[in-house]
C-alpha atoms as a PDB file:
ATOM      1  CA  MET A   1      43.624 -90.202  60.911  1.00  0.00           C
ATOM      2  CA  SER A   2      43.711 -93.610  62.169  1.00  0.00           C
ATOM      3  CA  THR A   3      45.570 -94.602  65.709  1.00  0.00           C
ATOM      4  CA  THR A   4      47.889 -96.212  63.825  1.00  0.00           C
ATOM      5  CA  ALA A   5      48.843 -93.714  61.757  1.00  0.00           C
ATOM      6  CA  GLN A   6      48.877 -91.456  64.563  1.00  0.00           C
ATOM      7  CA  LYS A   7      51.563 -93.445  66.220  1.00  0.00           C
ATOM      8  CA  ILE A   8      53.218 -94.076  63.537  1.00  0.00           C
ATOM      9  CA  CYS A   9      53.585 -90.370  62.984  1.00  0.00           C
ATOM     10  CA  ILE A  10      54.694 -89.959  66.495  1.00  0.00           C
ATOM     11  CA  GLU A  11      57.359 -92.248  66.438  1.00  0.00           C
ATOM     12  CA  ALA A  12      58.519 -90.983  63.391  1.00  0.00           C
ATOM     13  CA  LEU A  13      58.905 -87.718  64.257  1.00  0.00           C
ATOM     14  CA  SER A  14      60.970 -88.736  67.265  1.00  0.00           C
ATOM     15  CA  LEU A  15      63.660 -89.869  64.844  1.00  0.00           C
ATOM     16  CA  PRO A  16      66.475 -87.862  63.627  1.00  0.00           C
ATOM     17  CA  ARG A  17      65.967 -85.466  60.701  1.00  0.00           C
ATOM     18  CA  GLU A  18      67.810 -87.467  58.352  1.00  0.00           C
ATOM     19  CA  SER A  19      65.510 -90.843  59.016  1.00  0.00           C
ATOM     20  CA  ARG A  20      62.635 -88.406  58.592  1.00  0.00           C
ATOM     21  CA  THR A  21      63.379 -87.476  55.491  1.00  0.00           C
ATOM     22  CA  GLU A  22      64.339 -90.830  54.215  1.00  0.00           C
ATOM     23  CA  ILE A  23      60.775 -91.718  55.436  1.00  0.00           C
ATOM     24  CA  ALA A  24      59.387 -88.935  53.335  1.00  0.00           C
ATOM     25  CA  GLU A  25      60.839 -89.194  50.368  1.00  0.00           C
ATOM     26  CA  ARG A  26      59.934 -92.662  50.197  1.00  0.00           C
ATOM     27  CA  ILE A  27      55.878 -91.941  51.266  1.00  0.00           C
ATOM     28  CA  LEU A  28      56.195 -88.821  48.615  1.00  0.00           C
ATOM     29  CA  ALA A  29      57.118 -91.488  45.902  1.00  0.00           C
ATOM     30  CA  SER A  30      55.096 -94.176  46.562  1.00  0.00           C
ATOM     31  CA  LEU A  31      52.250 -91.529  45.735  1.00  0.00           C
ATOM     32  CA  GLU A  32      53.738 -90.483  42.233  1.00  0.00           C
ATOM     33  CA  ASP A  33      53.599 -93.724  41.350  1.00  0.00           C
ATOM     34  CA  LYS A  34      50.222 -93.871  41.545  1.00  0.00           C
ATOM     35  CA  ALA A  35      50.060 -90.185  40.049  1.00  0.00           C
ATOM     36  CA  ASP A  36      52.262 -91.286  37.711  1.00  0.00           C
ATOM     37  CA  SER A  37      50.273 -94.223  36.667  1.00  0.00           C
ATOM     38  CA  LYS A  38      47.095 -92.118  36.883  1.00  0.00           C
ATOM     39  CA  ALA A  39      48.045 -89.794  34.531  1.00  0.00           C
ATOM     40  CA  GLU A  40      49.515 -92.019  32.099  1.00  0.00           C
ATOM     41  CA  LYS A  41      46.585 -93.863  31.902  1.00  0.00           C
ATOM     42  CA  ALA A  42      44.897 -90.449  30.878  1.00  0.00           C
ATOM     43  CA  TRP A  43      47.117 -89.447  28.695  1.00  0.00           C
ATOM     44  CA  LYS A  44      46.832 -92.935  26.569  1.00  0.00           C
ATOM     45  CA  ALA A  45      43.170 -91.620  27.013  1.00  0.00           C
ATOM     46  CA  VAL A  46      43.856 -89.147  24.941  1.00  0.00           C
ATOM     47  CA  ILE A  47      45.802 -90.927  22.502  1.00  0.00           C
ATOM     48  CA  ARG A  48      43.565 -93.289  21.840  1.00  0.00           C
ATOM     49  CA  ARG A  49      40.335 -90.589  21.198  1.00  0.00           C
ATOM     50  CA  ARG A  50      43.043 -88.239  19.376  1.00  0.00           C
ATOM     51  CA  ARG A  51      44.157 -91.483  16.905  1.00  0.00           C
ATOM     52  CA  ALA A  52      40.733 -92.526  15.973  1.00  0.00           C
ATOM     53  CA  GLU A  53      39.463 -88.546  15.255  1.00  0.00           C
ATOM     54  CA  ILE A  54      41.889 -88.933  12.815  1.00  0.00           C
ATOM     55  CA  HIS A  55      41.220 -92.451  11.308  1.00  0.00           C
ATOM     56  CA  SER A  56      37.465 -91.359  10.702  1.00  0.00           C
ATOM     57  CA  GLY A  57      38.009 -88.027   9.037  1.00  0.00           C
ATOM     58  CA  LYS A  58      37.254 -86.025  12.270  1.00  0.00           C
ATOM     59  CA  ALA A  59      40.164 -84.343  13.127  1.00  0.00           C
ATOM     60  CA  LYS A  60      41.895 -82.283  10.376  1.00  0.00           C
ATOM     61  CA  VAL A  61      46.032 -82.487  10.630  1.00  0.00           C
ATOM     62  CA  ARG A  62      48.060 -80.423   9.064  1.00  0.00           C
ATOM     63  CA  PRO A  63      52.080 -80.912   8.674  1.00  0.00           C
ATOM     64  CA  ALA A  64      54.655 -80.335  11.296  1.00  0.00           C
ATOM     65  CA  GLU A  65      56.370 -77.887   9.714  1.00  0.00           C
ATOM     66  CA  ASP A  66      53.342 -75.895   8.513  1.00  0.00           C
ATOM     67  CA  VAL A  67      52.817 -75.877  12.560  1.00  0.00           C
ATOM     68  CA  MET A  68      56.130 -74.910  13.606  1.00  0.00           C
ATOM     69  CA  ARG A  69      56.698 -72.399  10.743  1.00  0.00           C
ATOM     70  CA  ASP A  70      53.060 -70.541  12.205  1.00  0.00           C
ATOM     71  CA  ALA A  71      54.332 -70.539  16.050  1.00  0.00           C
ATOM     72  CA  MET A  72      57.811 -68.829  14.860  1.00  0.00           C
ATOM     73  CA  HIS A  73      55.744 -66.647  13.237  1.00  0.00           C
ATOM     74  CA  ALA A  74      53.580 -65.419  15.659  1.00  0.00           C
ATOM     75  CA  ILE A  75      56.081 -65.257  18.576  1.00  0.00           C
ATOM     76  CA  ALA A  76      58.242 -63.472  16.515  1.00  0.00           C
END
């Protein structure tokens, strides 16, 4: 941890609980945005790949009704 980060932590820990909570929530929210962005990019890549596989005939598709019927039968 850098010296600046250490100083910020020391100062933050001296604040009242409510202020520390607000700071923690804001820091966590900033991390979630990046995580969500990475996850979204990863899912978009998966979608593009699967779409290409469907259009090329490499992937086999089934009607949703058949899939749901089989799933319900499997758990019944």
